[in-house]
Amino acid sequence: MNLFIDGIAWILDPANWSGTGSIPQRLWEHIWISAVVLLLASAIALPTGALVGHTGKGREFSVMVSGGLRALPTLGVLTLFGLWLGIGLGAPIIALVILAIPPLLAGAYAGFESVDRRTIDAARAMGMRELQLVGRVEVPLGLPIIVGGIRSATLQIIATATLAAYIADDGLGRFIFAGLKTRNYDEMLGGSILVILLALIVDGIFAITQRLVVPAGVRATRTRELRSRPARPRAVVGQPITEGNRE
């Protein structure tokens, strides 16, 4: 508990909020790195996932690739690219992009696959072309799940971007590595708390966004379905559970 209080005190120390290597500078670097990684990974994963979800082709291969990339050790990938590219942001960004692709890819094709096939068939029967079908039907209806994938990837990027300081002198991870090296545990814990707070704030923004992107018609339909669903009878204590009273 004392260490936690010391970490908070380090964050609130005015000396850490100005000059080179200050909290605002490291925070901006962390956000900038995370945003670049998210944009690059999204440019690769989202169109690929949309194509897989729309056509239904290559799903097994996508699942296999996603599972394989998830199994890669983050520090090992970062070290490998660091030895190849040298000191700088190139290695962390490439490593983080590789690790951010699986949740984005999974969210994209899962969002498209969640759309009821009868809705798609009806849209085709109305004369919609494939691009219209994607833009007007599949994307709006699958957007909550797609945003969920982006949300998961963003949190993973923010947490893992601390390792950028392992190769480059950037981001909030610099406080963690510097504190560990100098045994300044106040700085180390303070940097960790800043990363956690940043992740929580971003997660809250995505949670609100994920709720808002649900089309009003879909939200109303789900509400009506929940209200009209009959309540299941609860089993009485001591009474054997049968098909009639099963929860």
C-alpha atoms as a PDB file:
ATOM      1  CA  MET A   1       0.000   0.000   0.000  1.00  0.00           C
ATOM      2  CA  ASN A   2       2.859   2.389   0.793  1.00  0.00           C
ATOM      3  CA  LEU A   3       4.388   1.742  -2.627  1.00  0.00           C
ATOM      4  CA  PHE A   4       1.071   2.543  -4.295  1.00  0.00           C
ATOM      5  CA  ILE A   5       0.830   5.823  -2.383  1.00  0.00           C
ATOM      6  CA  ASP A   6       4.428   6.605  -3.337  1.00  0.00           C
ATOM      7  CA  GLY A   7       3.586   5.941  -6.987  1.00  0.00           C
ATOM      8  CA  ILE A   8       0.622   8.345  -6.820  1.00  0.00           C
ATOM      9  CA  ALA A   9       2.842  10.909  -5.113  1.00  0.00           C
ATOM     10  CA  TRP A  10       5.390  10.562  -7.932  1.00  0.00           C
ATOM     11  CA  ILE A  11       2.658  11.217 -10.504  1.00  0.00           C
ATOM     12  CA  LEU A  12       1.439  14.308  -8.613  1.00  0.00           C
ATOM     13  CA  ASP A  13       4.941  15.721  -8.213  1.00  0.00           C
ATOM     14  CA  PRO A  14       5.050  18.965 -10.302  1.00  0.00           C
ATOM     15  CA  ALA A  15       8.684  18.255 -11.173  1.00  0.00           C
ATOM     16  CA  ASN A  16       7.566  15.310 -13.316  1.00  0.00           C
ATOM     17  CA  TRP A  17       5.178  17.420 -15.405  1.00  0.00           C
ATOM     18  CA  SER A  18       7.678  19.722 -17.108  1.00  0.00           C
ATOM     19  CA  GLY A  19      10.869  19.471 -19.094  1.00  0.00           C
ATOM     20  CA  THR A  20      12.335  16.726 -21.241  1.00  0.00           C
ATOM     21  CA  GLY A  21      11.041  13.273 -20.421  1.00  0.00           C
ATOM     22  CA  SER A  22       8.079  14.658 -18.483  1.00  0.00           C
ATOM     23  CA  ILE A  23       4.782  12.835 -18.027  1.00  0.00           C
ATOM     24  CA  PRO A  24       2.943  14.858 -20.745  1.00  0.00           C
ATOM     25  CA  GLN A  25       5.725  14.152 -23.242  1.00  0.00           C
ATOM     26  CA  ARG A  26       5.809  10.413 -22.512  1.00  0.00           C
ATOM     27  CA  LEU A  27       2.020  10.243 -22.503  1.00  0.00           C
ATOM     28  CA  TRP A  28       1.806  11.912 -25.910  1.00  0.00           C
ATOM     29  CA  GLU A  29       4.483   9.558 -27.280  1.00  0.00           C
ATOM     30  CA  HIS A  30       2.547   6.563 -25.959  1.00  0.00           C
ATOM     31  CA  ILE A  31      -0.715   7.749 -27.520  1.00  0.00           C
ATOM     32  CA  TRP A  32       1.017   8.574 -30.805  1.00  0.00           C
ATOM     33  CA  ILE A  33       2.690   5.166 -31.040  1.00  0.00           C
ATOM     34  CA  SER A  34      -0.563   3.387 -30.172  1.00  0.00           C
ATOM     35  CA  ALA A  35      -2.530   5.382 -32.759  1.00  0.00           C
ATOM     36  CA  VAL A  36      -0.025   4.684 -35.548  1.00  0.00           C
ATOM     37  CA  VAL A  37       0.007   0.971 -34.736  1.00  0.00           C
ATOM     38  CA  LEU A  38      -3.799   0.831 -34.629  1.00  0.00           C
ATOM     39  CA  LEU A  39      -4.142   2.584 -37.993  1.00  0.00           C
ATOM     40  CA  LEU A  40      -1.591   0.335 -39.697  1.00  0.00           C
ATOM     41  CA  ALA A  41      -3.037  -2.863 -38.230  1.00  0.00           C
ATOM     42  CA  SER A  42      -6.590  -1.766 -39.083  1.00  0.00           C
ATOM     43  CA  ALA A  43      -5.601  -1.048 -42.677  1.00  0.00           C
ATOM     44  CA  ILE A  44      -4.471  -4.675 -42.977  1.00  0.00           C
ATOM     45  CA  ALA A  45      -6.917  -6.584 -40.777  1.00  0.00           C
ATOM     46  CA  LEU A  46     -10.277  -4.847 -41.242  1.00  0.00           C
ATOM     47  CA  PRO A  47     -10.534  -5.137 -45.064  1.00  0.00           C
ATOM     48  CA  THR A  48      -9.285  -8.728 -44.881  1.00  0.00           C
ATOM     49  CA  GLY A  49     -11.786  -9.616 -42.154  1.00  0.00           C
ATOM     50  CA  ALA A  50     -14.594  -7.902 -44.044  1.00  0.00           C
ATOM     51  CA  LEU A  51     -13.768  -9.876 -47.193  1.00  0.00           C
ATOM     52  CA  VAL A  52     -13.679 -13.149 -45.265  1.00  0.00           C
ATOM     53  CA  GLY A  53     -16.926 -12.396 -43.442  1.00  0.00           C
ATOM     54  CA  HIS A  54     -18.736 -11.236 -46.583  1.00  0.00           C
ATOM     55  CA  THR A  55     -17.709 -14.076 -48.864  1.00  0.00           C
ATOM     56  CA  GLY A  56     -17.307 -16.825 -46.261  1.00  0.00           C
ATOM     57  CA  LYS A  57     -14.077 -17.882 -47.971  1.00  0.00           C
ATOM     58  CA  GLY A  58     -10.779 -18.305 -46.172  1.00  0.00           C
ATOM     59  CA  ARG A  59     -12.296 -18.347 -42.696  1.00  0.00           C
ATOM     60  CA  GLU A  60     -10.330 -21.408 -41.577  1.00  0.00           C
ATOM     61  CA  PHE A  61      -7.099 -19.863 -42.819  1.00  0.00           C
ATOM     62  CA  SER A  62      -7.890 -16.577 -41.058  1.00  0.00           C
ATOM     63  CA  VAL A  63      -8.609 -18.370 -37.795  1.00  0.00           C
ATOM     64  CA  MET A  64      -5.361 -20.297 -38.132  1.00  0.00           C
ATOM     65  CA  VAL A  65      -3.344 -17.138 -38.822  1.00  0.00           C
ATOM     66  CA  SER A  66      -5.005 -15.267 -35.950  1.00  0.00           C
ATOM     67  CA  GLY A  67      -4.319 -18.108 -33.545  1.00  0.00           C
ATOM     68  CA  GLY A  68      -0.708 -18.351 -34.674  1.00  0.00           C
ATOM     69  CA  LEU A  69      -0.091 -14.613 -34.268  1.00  0.00           C
ATOM     70  CA  ARG A  70      -1.698 -14.643 -30.816  1.00  0.00           C
ATOM     71  CA  ALA A  71       0.768 -17.324 -29.735  1.00  0.00           C
ATOM     72  CA  LEU A  72       3.812 -15.220 -30.615  1.00  0.00           C
ATOM     73  CA  PRO A  73       5.730 -13.931 -27.567  1.00  0.00           C
ATOM     74  CA  THR A  74       5.629 -10.146 -27.583  1.00  0.00           C
ATOM     75  CA  LEU A  75       9.097  -9.571 -26.186  1.00  0.00           C
ATOM     76  CA  GLY A  76      10.575 -12.189 -28.507  1.00  0.00           C
ATOM     77  CA  VAL A  77       9.053 -10.571 -31.606  1.00  0.00           C
ATOM     78  CA  LEU A  78      10.211  -7.148 -30.433  1.00  0.00           C
ATOM     79  CA  THR A  79      13.745  -8.393 -29.802  1.00  0.00           C
ATOM     80  CA  LEU A  80      13.884 -10.090 -33.203  1.00  0.00           C
ATOM     81  CA  PHE A  81      12.894  -6.936 -35.076  1.00  0.00           C
ATOM     82  CA  GLY A  82      15.132  -4.855 -32.822  1.00  0.00           C
ATOM     83  CA  LEU A  83      18.162  -6.927 -33.801  1.00  0.00           C
ATOM     84  CA  TRP A  84      17.160  -6.610 -37.447  1.00  0.00           C
ATOM     85  CA  LEU A  85      16.248  -2.910 -37.613  1.00  0.00           C
ATOM     86  CA  GLY A  86      18.302  -1.532 -34.726  1.00  0.00           C
ATOM     87  CA  ILE A  87      17.424   1.147 -32.190  1.00  0.00           C
ATOM     88  CA  GLY A  88      14.341   3.232 -32.981  1.00  0.00           C
ATOM     89  CA  LEU A  89      10.586   3.056 -33.308  1.00  0.00           C
ATOM     90  CA  GLY A  90      10.600   0.883 -36.434  1.00  0.00           C
ATOM     91  CA  ALA A  91      10.946  -2.406 -34.564  1.00  0.00           C
ATOM     92  CA  PRO A  92       8.305  -1.691 -31.877  1.00  0.00           C
ATOM     93  CA  ILE A  93       5.755  -0.472 -34.415  1.00  0.00           C
ATOM     94  CA  ILE A  94       6.155  -3.523 -36.676  1.00  0.00           C
ATOM     95  CA  ALA A  95       6.017  -5.908 -33.707  1.00  0.00           C
ATOM     96  CA  LEU A  96       2.930  -4.219 -32.282  1.00  0.00           C
ATOM     97  CA  VAL A  97       1.178  -4.233 -35.668  1.00  0.00           C
ATOM     98  CA  ILE A  98       1.707  -7.987 -35.938  1.00  0.00           C
ATOM     99  CA  LEU A  99       0.306  -8.520 -32.452  1.00  0.00           C
ATOM    100  CA  ALA A 100      -2.686  -6.192 -33.047  1.00  0.00           C
ATOM    101  CA  ILE A 101      -3.888  -7.930 -36.214  1.00  0.00           C
ATOM    102  CA  PRO A 102      -5.595 -11.007 -34.591  1.00  0.00           C
ATOM    103  CA  PRO A 103      -8.288  -9.183 -32.546  1.00  0.00           C
ATOM    104  CA  LEU A 104      -8.987  -6.779 -35.411  1.00  0.00           C
ATOM    105  CA  LEU A 105      -9.262  -9.599 -37.936  1.00  0.00           C
ATOM    106  CA  ALA A 106     -11.451 -11.704 -35.651  1.00  0.00           C
ATOM    107  CA  GLY A 107     -13.740  -8.777 -34.852  1.00  0.00           C
ATOM    108  CA  ALA A 108     -14.152  -7.864 -38.519  1.00  0.00           C
ATOM    109  CA  TYR A 109     -15.160 -11.267 -39.845  1.00  0.00           C
ATOM    110  CA  ALA A 110     -17.223 -12.052 -36.736  1.00  0.00           C
ATOM    111  CA  GLY A 111     -19.126  -8.786 -37.198  1.00  0.00           C
ATOM    112  CA  PHE A 112     -19.938  -9.596 -40.810  1.00  0.00           C
ATOM    113  CA  GLU A 113     -20.865 -13.188 -39.991  1.00  0.00           C
ATOM    114  CA  SER A 114     -23.216 -12.037 -37.228  1.00  0.00           C
ATOM    115  CA  VAL A 115     -25.587 -10.492 -39.757  1.00  0.00           C
ATOM    116  CA  ASP A 116     -28.630 -12.691 -40.371  1.00  0.00           C
ATOM    117  CA  ARG A 117     -28.368 -14.390 -43.773  1.00  0.00           C
ATOM    118  CA  ARG A 118     -32.074 -13.768 -44.364  1.00  0.00           C
ATOM    119  CA  THR A 119     -31.451 -10.034 -44.103  1.00  0.00           C
ATOM    120  CA  ILE A 120     -28.675 -10.284 -46.675  1.00  0.00           C
ATOM    121  CA  ASP A 121     -30.829 -12.370 -49.008  1.00  0.00           C
ATOM    122  CA  ALA A 122     -33.624  -9.827 -48.701  1.00  0.00           C
ATOM    123  CA  ALA A 123     -31.226  -6.996 -49.540  1.00  0.00           C
ATOM    124  CA  ARG A 124     -29.992  -8.880 -52.597  1.00  0.00           C
ATOM    125  CA  ALA A 125     -33.583  -9.519 -53.648  1.00  0.00           C
ATOM    126  CA  MET A 126     -34.176  -5.746 -53.525  1.00  0.00           C
ATOM    127  CA  GLY A 127     -31.403  -5.322 -56.093  1.00  0.00           C
ATOM    128  CA  MET A 128     -28.528  -4.190 -53.905  1.00  0.00           C
ATOM    129  CA  ARG A 129     -25.072  -4.697 -55.326  1.00  0.00           C
ATOM    130  CA  GLU A 130     -22.291  -6.228 -53.272  1.00  0.00           C
ATOM    131  CA  LEU A 131     -20.714  -2.904 -52.263  1.00  0.00           C
ATOM    132  CA  GLN A 132     -24.129  -1.525 -51.313  1.00  0.00           C
ATOM    133  CA  LEU A 133     -24.805  -4.676 -49.333  1.00  0.00           C
ATOM    134  CA  VAL A 134     -21.572  -4.251 -47.425  1.00  0.00           C
ATOM    135  CA  GLY A 135     -21.967  -0.516 -46.787  1.00  0.00           C
ATOM    136  CA  ARG A 136     -25.687  -0.358 -46.029  1.00  0.00           C
ATOM    137  CA  VAL A 137     -26.418  -3.709 -44.407  1.00  0.00           C
ATOM    138  CA  GLU A 138     -23.429  -5.695 -43.155  1.00  0.00           C
ATOM    139  CA  VAL A 139     -21.304  -2.861 -41.776  1.00  0.00           C
ATOM    140  CA  PRO A 140     -24.103  -1.084 -39.829  1.00  0.00           C
ATOM    141  CA  LEU A 141     -25.444  -4.344 -38.358  1.00  0.00           C
ATOM    142  CA  GLY A 142     -22.025  -5.819 -37.601  1.00  0.00           C
ATOM    143  CA  LEU A 143     -20.468  -2.572 -36.373  1.00  0.00           C
ATOM    144  CA  PRO A 144     -20.871  -3.277 -32.619  1.00  0.00           C
ATOM    145  CA  ILE A 145     -18.794  -6.460 -32.923  1.00  0.00           C
ATOM    146  CA  ILE A 146     -16.287  -4.769 -35.243  1.00  0.00           C
ATOM    147  CA  VAL A 147     -15.851  -1.919 -32.743  1.00  0.00           C
ATOM    148  CA  GLY A 148     -15.453  -4.559 -30.030  1.00  0.00           C
ATOM    149  CA  GLY A 149     -12.519  -6.009 -31.956  1.00  0.00           C
ATOM    150  CA  ILE A 150     -10.987  -2.556 -32.362  1.00  0.00           C
ATOM    151  CA  ARG A 151     -11.515  -1.952 -28.645  1.00  0.00           C
ATOM    152  CA  SER A 152      -9.752  -5.177 -27.708  1.00  0.00           C
ATOM    153  CA  ALA A 153      -6.858  -4.458 -30.066  1.00  0.00           C
ATOM    154  CA  THR A 154      -6.467  -0.892 -28.789  1.00  0.00           C
ATOM    155  CA  LEU A 155      -6.225  -1.981 -25.163  1.00  0.00           C
ATOM    156  CA  GLN A 156      -3.686  -4.630 -26.117  1.00  0.00           C
ATOM    157  CA  ILE A 157      -1.651  -2.049 -28.024  1.00  0.00           C
ATOM    158  CA  ILE A 158      -1.693   0.454 -25.144  1.00  0.00           C
ATOM    159  CA  ALA A 159      -0.571  -2.191 -22.669  1.00  0.00           C
ATOM    160  CA  THR A 160       2.095  -3.650 -24.936  1.00  0.00           C
ATOM    161  CA  ALA A 161       3.393  -0.284 -26.180  1.00  0.00           C
ATOM    162  CA  THR A 162       5.237   0.019 -22.868  1.00  0.00           C
ATOM    163  CA  LEU A 163       7.768  -2.376 -24.408  1.00  0.00           C
ATOM    164  CA  ALA A 164       8.624   0.261 -27.018  1.00  0.00           C
ATOM    165  CA  ALA A 165      10.974   1.723 -24.416  1.00  0.00           C
ATOM    166  CA  TYR A 166      12.913  -1.546 -24.563  1.00  0.00           C
ATOM    167  CA  ILE A 167      14.166  -0.573 -28.028  1.00  0.00           C
ATOM    168  CA  ALA A 168      13.421   3.157 -28.254  1.00  0.00           C
ATOM    169  CA  ASP A 169      13.378   5.955 -25.682  1.00  0.00           C
ATOM    170  CA  ASP A 170       9.659   6.655 -26.115  1.00  0.00           C
ATOM    171  CA  GLY A 171       6.361   6.134 -24.327  1.00  0.00           C
ATOM    172  CA  LEU A 172       5.259   5.595 -20.754  1.00  0.00           C
ATOM    173  CA  GLY A 173       7.254   2.388 -20.632  1.00  0.00           C
ATOM    174  CA  ARG A 174      10.343   4.554 -20.282  1.00  0.00           C
ATOM    175  CA  PHE A 175       9.340   5.307 -16.693  1.00  0.00           C
ATOM    176  CA  ILE A 176       8.985   1.598 -15.952  1.00  0.00           C
ATOM    177  CA  PHE A 177      12.344   0.602 -17.442  1.00  0.00           C
ATOM    178  CA  ALA A 178      14.162   3.613 -15.940  1.00  0.00           C
ATOM    179  CA  GLY A 179      12.666   2.953 -12.519  1.00  0.00           C
ATOM    180  CA  LEU A 180      13.605  -0.719 -12.699  1.00  0.00           C
ATOM    181  CA  LYS A 181      17.162   0.099 -13.741  1.00  0.00           C
ATOM    182  CA  THR A 182      17.719   2.711 -11.027  1.00  0.00           C
ATOM    183  CA  ARG A 183      15.579   0.914  -8.403  1.00  0.00           C
ATOM    184  CA  ASN A 184      13.338   3.952  -8.245  1.00  0.00           C
ATOM    185  CA  TYR A 185      10.165   1.999  -7.563  1.00  0.00           C
ATOM    186  CA  ASP A 186       8.094   5.176  -7.158  1.00  0.00           C
ATOM    187  CA  GLU A 187       8.788   6.048 -10.798  1.00  0.00           C
ATOM    188  CA  MET A 188       8.285   2.456 -11.897  1.00  0.00           C
ATOM    189  CA  LEU A 189       4.899   2.149 -10.199  1.00  0.00           C
ATOM    190  CA  GLY A 190       3.881   5.635 -11.268  1.00  0.00           C
ATOM    191  CA  GLY A 191       4.518   4.743 -14.913  1.00  0.00           C
ATOM    192  CA  SER A 192       2.476   1.556 -14.503  1.00  0.00           C
ATOM    193  CA  ILE A 193      -0.430   3.494 -12.988  1.00  0.00           C
ATOM    194  CA  LEU A 194      -0.362   5.961 -15.891  1.00  0.00           C
ATOM    195  CA  VAL A 195      -0.596   3.102 -18.402  1.00  0.00           C
ATOM    196  CA  ILE A 196      -3.523   1.597 -16.474  1.00  0.00           C
ATOM    197  CA  LEU A 197      -5.344   4.941 -16.315  1.00  0.00           C
ATOM    198  CA  LEU A 198      -4.831   5.525 -20.034  1.00  0.00           C
ATOM    199  CA  ALA A 199      -6.183   2.044 -20.821  1.00  0.00           C
ATOM    200  CA  LEU A 200      -9.227   2.568 -18.586  1.00  0.00           C
ATOM    201  CA  ILE A 201     -10.050   5.939 -20.158  1.00  0.00           C
ATOM    202  CA  VAL A 202      -9.740   4.565 -23.689  1.00  0.00           C
ATOM    203  CA  ASP A 203     -11.781   1.497 -22.737  1.00  0.00           C
ATOM    204  CA  GLY A 204     -14.539   3.735 -21.382  1.00  0.00           C
ATOM    205  CA  ILE A 205     -14.601   5.748 -24.608  1.00  0.00           C
ATOM    206  CA  PHE A 206     -14.862   2.572 -26.680  1.00  0.00           C
ATOM    207  CA  ALA A 207     -17.574   1.165 -24.385  1.00  0.00           C
ATOM    208  CA  ILE A 208     -19.707   4.253 -25.015  1.00  0.00           C
ATOM    209  CA  THR A 209     -18.912   4.179 -28.743  1.00  0.00           C
ATOM    210  CA  GLN A 210     -19.774   0.490 -28.986  1.00  0.00           C
ATOM    211  CA  ARG A 211     -23.161   1.207 -27.470  1.00  0.00           C
ATOM    212  CA  LEU A 212     -23.864   4.219 -29.661  1.00  0.00           C
ATOM    213  CA  VAL A 213     -23.024   2.515 -32.952  1.00  0.00           C
ATOM    214  CA  VAL A 214     -25.843  -0.012 -32.539  1.00  0.00           C
ATOM    215  CA  PRO A 215     -28.517   1.095 -35.043  1.00  0.00           C
ATOM    216  CA  ALA A 216     -31.647   2.451 -33.351  1.00  0.00           C
ATOM    217  CA  GLY A 217     -33.852  -0.075 -35.120  1.00  0.00           C
ATOM    218  CA  VAL A 218     -31.696  -2.987 -33.972  1.00  0.00           C
ATOM    219  CA  ARG A 219     -31.621  -1.643 -30.406  1.00  0.00           C
ATOM    220  CA  ALA A 220     -35.409  -1.303 -30.366  1.00  0.00           C
ATOM    221  CA  THR A 221     -35.866  -4.796 -31.783  1.00  0.00           C
ATOM    222  CA  ARG A 222     -33.592  -6.338 -29.149  1.00  0.00           C
ATOM    223  CA  THR A 223     -35.455  -4.473 -26.400  1.00  0.00           C
ATOM    224  CA  ARG A 224     -38.808  -5.763 -27.641  1.00  0.00           C
ATOM    225  CA  GLU A 225     -37.447  -9.294 -27.837  1.00  0.00           C
ATOM    226  CA  LEU A 226     -36.174  -9.153 -24.249  1.00  0.00           C
ATOM    227  CA  ARG A 227     -39.462  -7.746 -22.982  1.00  0.00           C
ATOM    228  CA  SER A 228     -41.589 -10.286 -24.837  1.00  0.00           C
ATOM    229  CA  ARG A 229     -39.449 -13.269 -23.824  1.00  0.00           C
ATOM    230  CA  PRO A 230     -41.352 -15.324 -21.223  1.00  0.00           C
ATOM    231  CA  ALA A 231     -39.675 -15.675 -17.851  1.00  0.00           C
ATOM    232  CA  ARG A 232     -38.348 -19.144 -17.111  1.00  0.00           C
ATOM    233  CA  PRO A 233     -39.787 -20.795 -14.001  1.00  0.00           C
ATOM    234  CA  ARG A 234     -37.303 -21.196 -11.191  1.00  0.00           C
ATOM    235  CA  ALA A 235     -36.718 -24.558  -9.602  1.00  0.00           C
ATOM    236  CA  VAL A 236     -37.988 -24.918  -6.040  1.00  0.00           C
ATOM    237  CA  VAL A 237     -35.416 -25.925  -3.428  1.00  0.00           C
ATOM    238  CA  GLY A 238     -35.684 -29.639  -2.822  1.00  0.00           C
ATOM    239  CA  GLN A 239     -37.636 -30.230  -6.030  1.00  0.00           C
ATOM    240  CA  PRO A 240     -35.922 -32.305  -8.722  1.00  0.00           C
ATOM    241  CA  ILE A 241     -35.029 -30.381 -11.856  1.00  0.00           C
ATOM    242  CA  THR A 242     -37.057 -31.493 -14.856  1.00  0.00           C
ATOM    243  CA  GLU A 243     -37.610 -30.170 -18.346  1.00  0.00           C
ATOM    244  CA  GLY A 244     -40.477 -28.076 -16.958  1.00  0.00           C
ATOM    245  CA  ASN A 245     -38.532 -26.268 -14.244  1.00  0.00           C
ATOM    246  CA  ARG A 246     -34.966 -26.260 -15.658  1.00  0.00           C
ATOM    247  CA  GLU A 247     -33.250 -22.839 -15.463  1.00  0.00           C
END
